[in-house]
PDB file of N, CA and C in Angstrom:
ATOM      1  N   MET A   1       0.848  -1.172   0.000  1.00  0.00           N
ATOM      2  CA  MET A   1       0.000   0.000   0.000  1.00  0.00           C
ATOM      3  C   MET A   1       0.893   1.234   0.000  1.00  0.00           C
ATOM      4  N   THR A   2       0.533   2.176  -0.817  1.00  0.00           N
ATOM      5  CA  THR A   2       1.313   3.403  -0.876  1.00  0.00           C
ATOM      6  C   THR A   2       0.931   4.330   0.272  1.00  0.00           C
ATOM      7  N   ARG A   3       1.794   5.281   0.562  1.00  0.00           N
ATOM      8  CA  ARG A   3       1.528   6.256   1.632  1.00  0.00           C
ATOM      9  C   ARG A   3       0.254   7.037   1.334  1.00  0.00           C
ATOM     10  N   ARG A   4       0.027   7.341   0.075  1.00  0.00           N
ATOM     11  CA  ARG A   4      -1.173   8.098  -0.307  1.00  0.00           C
ATOM     12  C   ARG A   4      -2.433   7.272  -0.049  1.00  0.00           C
ATOM     13  N   GLN A   5      -2.421   5.996  -0.416  1.00  0.00           N
ATOM     14  CA  GLN A   5      -3.590   5.144  -0.193  1.00  0.00           C
ATOM     15  C   GLN A   5      -3.870   4.989   1.301  1.00  0.00           C
ATOM     16  N   ALA A   6      -2.837   5.000   2.120  1.00  0.00           N
ATOM     17  CA  ALA A   6      -3.002   4.821   3.565  1.00  0.00           C
ATOM     18  C   ALA A   6      -3.636   6.041   4.223  1.00  0.00           C
ATOM     19  N   GLN A   7      -3.785   7.127   3.490  1.00  0.00           N
ATOM     20  CA  GLN A   7      -4.442   8.318   4.028  1.00  0.00           C
ATOM     21  C   GLN A   7      -5.944   8.296   3.783  1.00  0.00           C
ATOM     22  N   ASN A   8      -6.412   7.290   3.063  1.00  0.00           N
ATOM     23  CA  ASN A   8      -7.830   7.129   2.798  1.00  0.00           C
ATOM     24  C   ASN A   8      -8.534   6.781   4.107  1.00  0.00           C
ATOM     25  N   PRO A   9      -9.558   7.553   4.522  1.00  0.00           N
ATOM     26  CA  PRO A   9     -10.223   7.284   5.800  1.00  0.00           C
ATOM     27  C   PRO A   9     -10.977   5.955   5.819  1.00  0.00           C
ATOM     28  N   ASN A  10     -11.162   5.324   4.666  1.00  0.00           N
ATOM     29  CA  ASN A  10     -11.881   4.050   4.603  1.00  0.00           C
ATOM     30  C   ASN A  10     -10.960   2.838   4.706  1.00  0.00           C
ATOM     31  N   VAL A  11      -9.663   3.079   4.876  1.00  0.00           N
ATOM     32  CA  VAL A  11      -8.715   1.977   4.961  1.00  0.00           C
ATOM     33  C   VAL A  11      -8.672   1.463   6.406  1.00  0.00           C
ATOM     34  N   CYS A  12      -8.296   0.220   6.572  1.00  0.00           N
ATOM     35  CA  CYS A  12      -8.148  -0.387   7.901  1.00  0.00           C
ATOM     36  C   CYS A  12      -7.135   0.416   8.723  1.00  0.00           C
ATOM     37  N   GLY A  13      -7.419   0.626  10.001  1.00  0.00           N
ATOM     38  CA  GLY A  13      -6.529   1.388  10.873  1.00  0.00           C
ATOM     39  C   GLY A  13      -5.149   0.777  10.997  1.00  0.00           C
ATOM     40  N   VAL A  14      -5.070  -0.550  11.040  1.00  0.00           N
ATOM     41  CA  VAL A  14      -3.773  -1.214  11.139  1.00  0.00           C
ATOM     42  C   VAL A  14      -2.964  -0.946   9.870  1.00  0.00           C
ATOM     43  N   THR A  15      -3.611  -0.986   8.741  1.00  0.00           N
ATOM     44  CA  THR A  15      -2.936  -0.710   7.472  1.00  0.00           C
ATOM     45  C   THR A  15      -2.403   0.722   7.448  1.00  0.00           C
ATOM     46  N   ALA A  16      -3.213   1.670   7.935  1.00  0.00           N
ATOM     47  CA  ALA A  16      -2.775   3.062   7.980  1.00  0.00           C
ATOM     48  C   ALA A  16      -1.580   3.232   8.907  1.00  0.00           C
ATOM     49  N   ALA A  17      -1.576   2.510  10.027  1.00  0.00           N
ATOM     50  CA  ALA A  17      -0.454   2.594  10.970  1.00  0.00           C
ATOM     51  C   ALA A  17       0.802   1.973  10.377  1.00  0.00           C
ATOM     52  N   ILE A  18       0.655   0.837   9.731  1.00  0.00           N
ATOM     53  CA  ILE A  18       1.822   0.159   9.145  1.00  0.00           C
ATOM     54  C   ILE A  18       2.427   1.010   8.033  1.00  0.00           C
ATOM     55  N   ALA A  19       1.608   1.729   7.289  1.00  0.00           N
ATOM     56  CA  ALA A  19       2.124   2.593   6.225  1.00  0.00           C
ATOM     57  C   ALA A  19       3.054   3.659   6.785  1.00  0.00           C
ATOM     58  N   VAL A  20       2.795   4.106   8.014  1.00  0.00           N
ATOM     59  CA  VAL A  20       3.625   5.140   8.638  1.00  0.00           C
ATOM     60  C   VAL A  20       4.979   4.583   9.059  1.00  0.00           C
ATOM     61  N   ILE A  21       5.041   3.319   9.438  1.00  0.00           N
ATOM     62  CA  ILE A  21       6.308   2.733   9.894  1.00  0.00           C
ATOM     63  C   ILE A  21       6.922   1.795   8.859  1.00  0.00           C
ATOM     64  N   ASP A  22       6.317   1.756   7.675  1.00  0.00           N
ATOM     65  CA  ASP A  22       6.800   0.875   6.626  1.00  0.00           C
ATOM     66  C   ASP A  22       8.216   1.261   6.220  1.00  0.00           C
ATOM     67  N   GLY A  23       9.000   0.276   5.926  1.00  0.00           N
ATOM     68  CA  GLY A  23      10.376   0.502   5.513  1.00  0.00           C
ATOM     69  C   GLY A  23      11.327  -0.179   6.481  1.00  0.00           C
ATOM     70  N   LYS A  24      12.531  -0.332   6.048  1.00  0.00           N
ATOM     71  CA  LYS A  24      13.528  -1.076   6.814  1.00  0.00           C
ATOM     72  C   LYS A  24      13.983  -0.358   8.080  1.00  0.00           C
ATOM     73  N   TRP A  25      13.971   0.969   8.102  1.00  0.00           N
ATOM     74  CA  TRP A  25      14.648   1.706   9.163  1.00  0.00           C
ATOM     75  C   TRP A  25      13.753   2.468  10.135  1.00  0.00           C
ATOM     76  N   LYS A  26      12.502   2.698   9.803  1.00  0.00           N
ATOM     77  CA  LYS A  26      11.676   3.590  10.626  1.00  0.00           C
ATOM     78  C   LYS A  26      11.449   3.071  12.041  1.00  0.00           C
ATOM     79  N   THR A  27      11.218   1.785  12.217  1.00  0.00           N
ATOM     80  CA  THR A  27      11.020   1.284  13.579  1.00  0.00           C
ATOM     81  C   THR A  27      12.314   1.396  14.381  1.00  0.00           C
ATOM     82  N   SER A  28      13.450   1.175  13.736  1.00  0.00           N
ATOM     83  CA  SER A  28      14.734   1.324  14.428  1.00  0.00           C
ATOM     84  C   SER A  28      14.969   2.783  14.813  1.00  0.00           C
ATOM     85  N   LEU A  29      14.599   3.695  13.932  1.00  0.00           N
ATOM     86  CA  LEU A  29      14.745   5.119  14.236  1.00  0.00           C
ATOM     87  C   LEU A  29      13.832   5.524  15.394  1.00  0.00           C
ATOM     88  N   LEU A  30      12.595   5.033  15.394  1.00  0.00           N
ATOM     89  CA  LEU A  30      11.686   5.293  16.518  1.00  0.00           C
ATOM     90  C   LEU A  30      12.310   4.801  17.817  1.00  0.00           C
ATOM     91  N   TRP A  31      12.844   3.597  17.786  1.00  0.00           N
ATOM     92  CA  TRP A  31      13.436   2.978  18.969  1.00  0.00           C
ATOM     93  C   TRP A  31      14.601   3.816  19.492  1.00  0.00           C
ATOM     94  N   LEU A  32      15.454   4.279  18.599  1.00  0.00           N
ATOM     95  CA  LEU A  32      16.600   5.098  19.017  1.00  0.00           C
ATOM     96  C   LEU A  32      16.147   6.452  19.559  1.00  0.00           C
ATOM     97  N   LEU A  33      15.165   7.052  18.916  1.00  0.00           N
ATOM     98  CA  LEU A  33      14.712   8.371  19.336  1.00  0.00           C
ATOM     99  C   LEU A  33      13.912   8.336  20.643  1.00  0.00           C
ATOM    100  N   GLU A  34      13.464   7.149  21.047  1.00  0.00           N
ATOM    101  CA  GLU A  34      12.791   7.017  22.347  1.00  0.00           C
ATOM    102  C   GLU A  34      13.707   7.453  23.485  1.00  0.00           C
ATOM    103  N   SER A  35      14.999   7.237  23.317  1.00  0.00           N
ATOM    104  CA  SER A  35      15.956   7.550  24.379  1.00  0.00           C
ATOM    105  C   SER A  35      16.296   9.039  24.455  1.00  0.00           C
ATOM    106  N   GLY A  36      15.837   9.810  23.469  1.00  0.00           N
ATOM    107  CA  GLY A  36      16.100  11.238  23.485  1.00  0.00           C
ATOM    108  C   GLY A  36      16.521  11.751  22.126  1.00  0.00           C
ATOM    109  N   PRO A  37      16.739  13.056  22.019  1.00  0.00           N
ATOM    110  CA  PRO A  37      17.114  13.668  20.742  1.00  0.00           C
ATOM    111  C   PRO A  37      18.455  13.134  20.222  1.00  0.00           C
ATOM    112  N   HIS A  38      18.548  13.046  18.909  1.00  0.00           N
ATOM    113  CA  HIS A  38      19.774  12.590  18.250  1.00  0.00           C
ATOM    114  C   HIS A  38      20.050  13.454  17.030  1.00  0.00           C
ATOM    115  N   ARG A  39      21.328  13.604  16.745  1.00  0.00           N
ATOM    116  CA  ARG A  39      21.754  14.229  15.499  1.00  0.00           C
ATOM    117  C   ARG A  39      21.784  13.151  14.421  1.00  0.00           C
ATOM    118  N   PRO A  40      21.632  13.532  13.160  1.00  0.00           N
ATOM    119  CA  PRO A  40      21.615  12.538  12.082  1.00  0.00           C
ATOM    120  C   PRO A  40      22.856  11.641  12.057  1.00  0.00           C
ATOM    121  N   GLY A  41      24.023  12.219  12.304  1.00  0.00           N
ATOM    122  CA  GLY A  41      25.252  11.424  12.308  1.00  0.00           C
ATOM    123  C   GLY A  41      25.242  10.348  13.375  1.00  0.00           C
ATOM    124  N   GLU A  42      24.682  10.669  14.526  1.00  0.00           N
ATOM    125  CA  GLU A  42      24.578   9.685  15.614  1.00  0.00           C
ATOM    126  C   GLU A  42      23.674   8.534  15.196  1.00  0.00           C
ATOM    127  N   LEU A  43      22.554   8.875  14.564  1.00  0.00           N
ATOM    128  CA  LEU A  43      21.623   7.843  14.120  1.00  0.00           C
ATOM    129  C   LEU A  43      22.286   6.927  13.096  1.00  0.00           C
ATOM    130  N   ARG A  44      23.016   7.509  12.155  1.00  0.00           N
ATOM    131  CA  ARG A  44      23.699   6.709  11.125  1.00  0.00           C
ATOM    132  C   ARG A  44      24.743   5.787  11.732  1.00  0.00           C
ATOM    133  N   ARG A  45      25.489   6.284  12.711  1.00  0.00           N
ATOM    134  CA  ARG A  45      26.518   5.450  13.345  1.00  0.00           C
ATOM    135  C   ARG A  45      25.902   4.282  14.113  1.00  0.00           C
ATOM    136  N   LYS A  46      24.733   4.498  14.697  1.00  0.00           N
ATOM    137  CA  LYS A  46      24.087   3.448  15.485  1.00  0.00           C
ATOM    138  C   LYS A  46      23.342   2.434  14.618  1.00  0.00           C
ATOM    139  N   LEU A  47      23.171   2.745  13.328  1.00  0.00           N
ATOM    140  CA  LEU A  47      22.470   1.850  12.412  1.00  0.00           C
ATOM    141  C   LEU A  47      23.352   1.566  11.197  1.00  0.00           C
ATOM    142  N   PRO A  48      24.328   0.680  11.350  1.00  0.00           N
ATOM    143  CA  PRO A  48      25.217   0.360  10.227  1.00  0.00           C
ATOM    144  C   PRO A  48      24.412  -0.100   9.010  1.00  0.00           C
ATOM    145  N   GLY A  49      24.790   0.398   7.860  1.00  0.00           N
ATOM    146  CA  GLY A  49      24.092   0.043   6.625  1.00  0.00           C
ATOM    147  C   GLY A  49      23.080   1.090   6.197  1.00  0.00           C
ATOM    148  N   LEU A  50      22.736   1.989   7.080  1.00  0.00           N
ATOM    149  CA  LEU A  50      21.798   3.065   6.766  1.00  0.00           C
ATOM    150  C   LEU A  50      22.561   4.184   6.071  1.00  0.00           C
ATOM    151  N   THR A  51      22.174   4.483   4.842  1.00  0.00           N
ATOM    152  CA  THR A  51      22.848   5.545   4.100  1.00  0.00           C
ATOM    153  C   THR A  51      22.278   6.905   4.482  1.00  0.00           C
ATOM    154  N   GLU A  52      23.040   7.936   4.203  1.00  0.00           N
ATOM    155  CA  GLU A  52      22.594   9.296   4.502  1.00  0.00           C
ATOM    156  C   GLU A  52      21.316   9.627   3.732  1.00  0.00           C
ATOM    157  N   LYS A  53      21.257   9.192   2.474  1.00  0.00           N
ATOM    158  CA  LYS A  53      20.089   9.467   1.638  1.00  0.00           C
ATOM    159  C   LYS A  53      18.834   8.819   2.214  1.00  0.00           C
ATOM    160  N   VAL A  54      18.929   7.567   2.583  1.00  0.00           N
ATOM    161  CA  VAL A  54      17.780   6.845   3.119  1.00  0.00           C
ATOM    162  C   VAL A  54      17.388   7.405   4.483  1.00  0.00           C
ATOM    163  N   LEU A  55      18.381   7.757   5.305  1.00  0.00           N
ATOM    164  CA  LEU A  55      18.097   8.359   6.606  1.00  0.00           C
ATOM    165  C   LEU A  55      17.330   9.666   6.424  1.00  0.00           C
ATOM    166  N   THR A  56      17.801  10.512   5.531  1.00  0.00           N
ATOM    167  CA  THR A  56      17.136  11.791   5.276  1.00  0.00           C
ATOM    168  C   THR A  56      15.698  11.577   4.809  1.00  0.00           C
ATOM    169  N   GLN A  57      15.506  10.637   3.897  1.00  0.00           N
ATOM    170  CA  GLN A  57      14.163  10.353   3.377  1.00  0.00           C
ATOM    171  C   GLN A  57      13.247   9.846   4.488  1.00  0.00           C
ATOM    172  N   ALA A  58      13.741   8.911   5.294  1.00  0.00           N
ATOM    173  CA  ALA A  58      12.923   8.348   6.373  1.00  0.00           C
ATOM    174  C   ALA A  58      12.560   9.422   7.394  1.00  0.00           C
ATOM    175  N   LEU A  59      13.527  10.247   7.783  1.00  0.00           N
ATOM    176  CA  LEU A  59      13.263  11.290   8.762  1.00  0.00           C
ATOM    177  C   LEU A  59      12.286  12.335   8.215  1.00  0.00           C
ATOM    178  N   ARG A  60      12.397  12.657   6.945  1.00  0.00           N
ATOM    179  CA  ARG A  60      11.459  13.615   6.336  1.00  0.00           C
ATOM    180  C   ARG A  60      10.041  13.053   6.337  1.00  0.00           C
ATOM    181  N   GLU A  61       9.903  11.771   5.978  1.00  0.00           N
ATOM    182  CA  GLU A  61       8.575  11.146   5.991  1.00  0.00           C
ATOM    183  C   GLU A  61       8.020  11.095   7.407  1.00  0.00           C
ATOM    184  N   MET A  62       8.876  10.771   8.370  1.00  0.00           N
ATOM    185  CA  MET A  62       8.433  10.709   9.765  1.00  0.00           C
ATOM    186  C   MET A  62       8.052  12.099  10.275  1.00  0.00           C
ATOM    187  N   GLU A  63       8.753  13.117   9.799  1.00  0.00           N
ATOM    188  CA  GLU A  63       8.407  14.490  10.175  1.00  0.00           C
ATOM    189  C   GLU A  63       7.059  14.882   9.556  1.00  0.00           C
ATOM    190  N   THR A  64       6.861  14.541   8.284  1.00  0.00           N
ATOM    191  CA  THR A  64       5.592  14.812   7.603  1.00  0.00           C
ATOM    192  C   THR A  64       4.429  14.119   8.309  1.00  0.00           C
ATOM    193  N   ASP A  65       4.678  12.909   8.811  1.00  0.00           N
ATOM    194  CA  ASP A  65       3.642  12.139   9.506  1.00  0.00           C
ATOM    195  C   ASP A  65       3.451  12.585  10.952  1.00  0.00           C
ATOM    196  N   GLY A  66       4.249  13.555  11.390  1.00  0.00           N
ATOM    197  CA  GLY A  66       4.095  14.095  12.736  1.00  0.00           C
ATOM    198  C   GLY A  66       4.737  13.262  13.828  1.00  0.00           C
ATOM    199  N   LEU A  67       5.650  12.353  13.453  1.00  0.00           N
ATOM    200  CA  LEU A  67       6.288  11.469  14.434  1.00  0.00           C
ATOM    201  C   LEU A  67       7.541  12.071  15.038  1.00  0.00           C
ATOM    202  N   VAL A  68       8.276  12.851  14.246  1.00  0.00           N
ATOM    203  CA  VAL A  68       9.519  13.444  14.741  1.00  0.00           C
ATOM    204  C   VAL A  68       9.501  14.952  14.540  1.00  0.00           C
ATOM    205  N   HIS A  69      10.257  15.603  15.388  1.00  0.00           N
ATOM    206  CA  HIS A  69      10.443  17.055  15.307  1.00  0.00           C
ATOM    207  C   HIS A  69      11.887  17.307  14.893  1.00  0.00           C
ATOM    208  N   ARG A  70      12.061  18.170  13.914  1.00  0.00           N
ATOM    209  CA  ARG A  70      13.387  18.542  13.428  1.00  0.00           C
ATOM    210  C   ARG A  70      13.685  19.941  13.924  1.00  0.00           C
ATOM    211  N   GLU A  71      14.793  20.056  14.637  1.00  0.00           N
ATOM    212  CA  GLU A  71      15.192  21.358  15.162  1.00  0.00           C
ATOM    213  C   GLU A  71      16.574  21.704  14.615  1.00  0.00           C
ATOM    214  N   VAL A  72      16.665  22.865  13.983  1.00  0.00           N
ATOM    215  CA  VAL A  72      17.931  23.330  13.423  1.00  0.00           C
ATOM    216  C   VAL A  72      18.433  24.471  14.294  1.00  0.00           C
ATOM    217  N   HIS A  73      19.627  24.282  14.852  1.00  0.00           N
ATOM    218  CA  HIS A  73      20.252  25.300  15.690  1.00  0.00           C
ATOM    219  C   HIS A  73      21.101  26.202  14.796  1.00  0.00           C
ATOM    220  N   ASP A  74      20.942  27.487  14.953  1.00  0.00           N
ATOM    221  CA  ASP A  74      21.622  28.465  14.113  1.00  0.00           C
ATOM    222  C   ASP A  74      23.042  28.723  14.617  1.00  0.00           C
ATOM    223  N   VAL A  75      23.871  27.712  14.437  1.00  0.00           N
ATOM    224  CA  VAL A  75      25.293  27.829  14.770  1.00  0.00           C
ATOM    225  C   VAL A  75      26.074  27.353  13.554  1.00  0.00           C
ATOM    226  N   LEU A  76      27.338  27.681  13.515  1.00  0.00           N
ATOM    227  CA  LEU A  76      28.175  27.199  12.411  1.00  0.00           C
ATOM    228  C   LEU A  76      29.100  26.117  12.907  1.00  0.00           C
ATOM    229  N   PRO A  77      29.135  24.966  12.297  1.00  0.00           N
ATOM    230  CA  PRO A  77      28.217  24.522  11.245  1.00  0.00           C
ATOM    231  C   PRO A  77      26.814  24.277  11.820  1.00  0.00           C
ATOM    232  N   LEU A  78      25.818  24.281  10.927  1.00  0.00           N
ATOM    233  CA  LEU A  78      24.442  24.067  11.369  1.00  0.00           C
ATOM    234  C   LEU A  78      24.325  22.748  12.136  1.00  0.00           C
ATOM    235  N   LYS A  79      23.545  22.785  13.173  1.00  0.00           N
ATOM    236  CA  LYS A  79      23.341  21.596  13.999  1.00  0.00           C
ATOM    237  C   LYS A  79      21.863  21.229  13.935  1.00  0.00           C
ATOM    238  N   THR A  80      21.576  20.039  13.419  1.00  0.00           N
ATOM    239  CA  THR A  80      20.201  19.551  13.316  1.00  0.00           C
ATOM    240  C   THR A  80      20.010  18.429  14.326  1.00  0.00           C
ATOM    241  N   VAL A  81      18.894  18.475  15.031  1.00  0.00           N
ATOM    242  CA  VAL A  81      18.583  17.468  16.044  1.00  0.00           C
ATOM    243  C   VAL A  81      17.160  16.982  15.809  1.00  0.00           C
ATOM    244  N   TYR A  82      16.976  15.671  15.894  1.00  0.00           N
ATOM    245  CA  TYR A  82      15.652  15.063  15.741  1.00  0.00           C
ATOM    246  C   TYR A  82      15.207  14.482  17.075  1.00  0.00           C
ATOM    247  N   SER A  83      13.927  14.642  17.365  1.00  0.00           N
ATOM    248  CA  SER A  83      13.347  14.068  18.578  1.00  0.00           C
ATOM    249  C   SER A  83      11.932  13.602  18.265  1.00  0.00           C
ATOM    250  N   LEU A  84      11.415  12.727  19.121  1.00  0.00           N
ATOM    251  CA  LEU A  84      10.046  12.250  18.942  1.00  0.00           C
ATOM    252  C   LEU A  84       9.064  13.329  19.383  1.00  0.00           C
ATOM    253  N   THR A  85       7.989  13.449  18.642  1.00  0.00           N
ATOM    254  CA  THR A  85       6.872  14.293  19.058  1.00  0.00           C
ATOM    255  C   THR A  85       6.013  13.468  20.024  1.00  0.00           C
ATOM    256  N   ASP A  86       5.024  14.090  20.622  1.00  0.00           N
ATOM    257  CA  ASP A  86       4.090  13.340  21.467  1.00  0.00           C
ATOM    258  C   ASP A  86       3.390  12.258  20.652  1.00  0.00           C
ATOM    259  N   PHE A  87       3.058  12.575  19.398  1.00  0.00           N
ATOM    260  CA  PHE A  87       2.404  11.612  18.510  1.00  0.00           C
ATOM    261  C   PHE A  87       3.342  10.437  18.210  1.00  0.00           C
ATOM    262  N   GLY A  88       4.617  10.727  18.005  1.00  0.00           N
ATOM    263  CA  GLY A  88       5.607   9.675  17.771  1.00  0.00           C
ATOM    264  C   GLY A  88       5.807   8.811  18.999  1.00  0.00           C
ATOM    265  N   ARG A  89       5.817   9.431  20.164  1.00  0.00           N
ATOM    266  CA  ARG A  89       5.947   8.683  21.422  1.00  0.00           C
ATOM    267  C   ARG A  89       4.729   7.780  21.621  1.00  0.00           C
ATOM    268  N   GLU A  90       3.558   8.287  21.255  1.00  0.00           N
ATOM    269  CA  GLU A  90       2.326   7.508  21.348  1.00  0.00           C
ATOM    270  C   GLU A  90       2.407   6.269  20.447  1.00  0.00           C
ATOM    271  N   LEU A  91       2.925   6.444  19.238  1.00  0.00           N
ATOM    272  CA  LEU A  91       3.105   5.308  18.329  1.00  0.00           C
ATOM    273  C   LEU A  91       4.097   4.318  18.916  1.00  0.00           C
ATOM    274  N   SER A  92       5.178   4.814  19.458  1.00  0.00           N
ATOM    275  CA  SER A  92       6.194   3.954  20.055  1.00  0.00           C
ATOM    276  C   SER A  92       5.601   3.121  21.190  1.00  0.00           C
ATOM    277  N   GLU A  93       4.776   3.754  22.016  1.00  0.00           N
ATOM    278  CA  GLU A  93       4.116   3.027  23.106  1.00  0.00           C
ATOM    279  C   GLU A  93       3.135   1.992  22.566  1.00  0.00           C
ATOM    280  N   ALA A  94       2.452   2.328  21.475  1.00  0.00           N
ATOM    281  CA  ALA A  94       1.516   1.385  20.866  1.00  0.00           C
ATOM    282  C   ALA A  94       2.243   0.175  20.281  1.00  0.00           C
ATOM    283  N   LEU A  95       3.471   0.386  19.834  1.00  0.00           N
ATOM    284  CA  LEU A  95       4.252  -0.710  19.241  1.00  0.00           C
ATOM    285  C   LEU A  95       4.908  -1.606  20.288  1.00  0.00           C
ATOM    286  N   ALA A  96       4.981  -1.160  21.545  1.00  0.00           N
ATOM    287  CA  ALA A  96       5.655  -1.932  22.595  1.00  0.00           C
ATOM    288  C   ALA A  96       5.092  -3.348  22.738  1.00  0.00           C
ATOM    289  N   PRO A  97       3.762  -3.551  22.781  1.00  0.00           N
ATOM    290  CA  PRO A  97       3.251  -4.923  22.874  1.00  0.00           C
ATOM    291  C   PRO A  97       3.622  -5.771  21.654  1.00  0.00           C
ATOM    292  N   LEU A  98       3.660  -5.155  20.484  1.00  0.00           N
ATOM    293  CA  LEU A  98       4.069  -5.894  19.287  1.00  0.00           C
ATOM    294  C   LEU A  98       5.533  -6.303  19.397  1.00  0.00           C
ATOM    295  N   SER A  99       6.364  -5.419  19.933  1.00  0.00           N
ATOM    296  CA  SER A  99       7.771  -5.729  20.164  1.00  0.00           C
ATOM    297  C   SER A  99       7.918  -6.895  21.142  1.00  0.00           C
ATOM    298  N   ASP A 100       7.136  -6.857  22.217  1.00  0.00           N
ATOM    299  CA  ASP A 100       7.169  -7.956  23.197  1.00  0.00           C
ATOM    300  C   ASP A 100       6.795  -9.274  22.534  1.00  0.00           C
ATOM    301  N   TRP A 101       5.756  -9.246  21.703  1.00  0.00           N
ATOM    302  CA  TRP A 101       5.329 -10.443  20.991  1.00  0.00           C
ATOM    303  C   TRP A 101       6.458 -10.938  20.080  1.00  0.00           C
ATOM    304  N   GLY A 102       7.116 -10.018  19.407  1.00  0.00           N
ATOM    305  CA  GLY A 102       8.217 -10.393  18.520  1.00  0.00           C
ATOM    306  C   GLY A 102       9.357 -11.059  19.270  1.00  0.00           C
ATOM    307  N   HIS A 103       9.680 -10.569  20.463  1.00  0.00           N
ATOM    308  CA  HIS A 103      10.730 -11.194  21.274  1.00  0.00           C
ATOM    309  C   HIS A 103      10.319 -12.600  21.716  1.00  0.00           C
ATOM    310  N   ARG A 104       9.047 -12.765  22.085  1.00  0.00           N
ATOM    311  CA  ARG A 104       8.563 -14.106  22.459  1.00  0.00           C
ATOM    312  C   ARG A 104       8.642 -15.049  21.267  1.00  0.00           C
ATOM    313  N   ARG A 105       8.320 -14.547  20.100  1.00  0.00           N
ATOM    314  CA  ARG A 105       8.415 -15.369  18.889  1.00  0.00           C
ATOM    315  C   ARG A 105       9.862 -15.805  18.644  1.00  0.00           C
ATOM    316  N   LEU A 106      10.792 -14.874  18.786  1.00  0.00           N
ATOM    317  CA  LEU A 106      12.202 -15.211  18.585  1.00  0.00           C
ATOM    318  C   LEU A 106      12.670 -16.248  19.590  1.00  0.00           C
ATOM    319  N   GLU A 107      12.215 -16.116  20.846  1.00  0.00           N
ATOM    320  CA  GLU A 107      12.557 -17.114  21.873  1.00  0.00           C
ATOM    321  C   GLU A 107      12.023 -18.492  21.502  1.00  0.00           C
ATOM    322  N   ARG A 108      10.790 -18.530  20.984  1.00  0.00           N
ATOM    323  CA  ARG A 108      10.203 -19.809  20.543  1.00  0.00           C
ATOM    324  C   ARG A 108      11.003 -20.410  19.399  1.00  0.00           C
ATOM    325  N   LEU A 109      11.394 -19.567  18.452  1.00  0.00           N
ATOM    326  CA  LEU A 109      12.185 -20.074  17.319  1.00  0.00           C
ATOM    327  C   LEU A 109      13.523 -20.614  17.797  1.00  0.00           C
ATOM    328  N   THR A 110      14.144 -19.917  18.726  1.00  0.00           N
ATOM    329  CA  THR A 110      15.423 -20.384  19.276  1.00  0.00           C
ATOM    330  C   THR A 110      15.239 -21.704  20.003  1.00  0.00           C
ATOM    331  N   ALA A 111      14.181 -21.810  20.798  1.00  0.00           N
ATOM    332  CA  ALA A 111      13.917 -23.044  21.543  1.00  0.00           C
ATOM    333  C   ALA A 111      13.625 -24.196  20.582  1.00  0.00           C
ATOM    334  N   THR A 112      12.892 -23.923  19.523  1.00  0.00           N
ATOM    335  CA  THR A 112      12.545 -24.959  18.528  1.00  0.00           C
ATOM    336  C   THR A 112      13.787 -25.426  17.787  1.00  0.00           C
ATOM    337  N   SER A 113      14.658 -24.490  17.398  1.00  0.00           N
ATOM    338  CA  SER A 113      15.857 -24.881  16.658  1.00  0.00           C
ATOM    339  C   SER A 113      16.874 -25.580  17.570  1.00  0.00           C
ATOM    340  N   SER A 114      16.872 -25.257  18.863  1.00  0.00           N
ATOM    341  CA  SER A 114      17.766 -25.916  19.809  1.00  0.00           C
ATOM    342  C   SER A 114      17.322 -27.346  20.073  1.00  0.00           C
ATOM    343  N   ALA A 115      16.016 -27.574  20.027  1.00  0.00           N
ATOM    344  CA  ALA A 115      15.477 -28.908  20.302  1.00  0.00           C
ATOM    345  C   ALA A 115      15.681 -29.854  19.122  1.00  0.00           C
ATOM    346  N   SER A 116      15.963 -29.309  17.947  1.00  0.00           N
ATOM    347  CA  SER A 116      16.113 -30.154  16.753  1.00  0.00           C
ATOM    348  C   SER A 116      17.417 -30.894  16.719  1.00  0.00           C
TER     349      SER A 116
END
């Protein structure tokens, strides 16, 4: 589903929510930003394999969706900091039970593969 289709008020709520976090890096970015504001370079260093281009695109989409706040400090060189908005924090809290379920699933898979 495209981001535009997920804005249709007749779409399933879960589908609309997944469209906001769709992509390889957005849930990881949410998780990192839960701990507090980060500069883009810090986020890239903590997520090996994340390119600057993809990071910029993901953060812009998350900002458009109201999940993150971008603050530019007027110093030289410019300093940009990203933090979660209240709406982003709310999404992060909503995802916590799903994260717990995912960890239980991984434990089951580990237990199943160990028993083989």
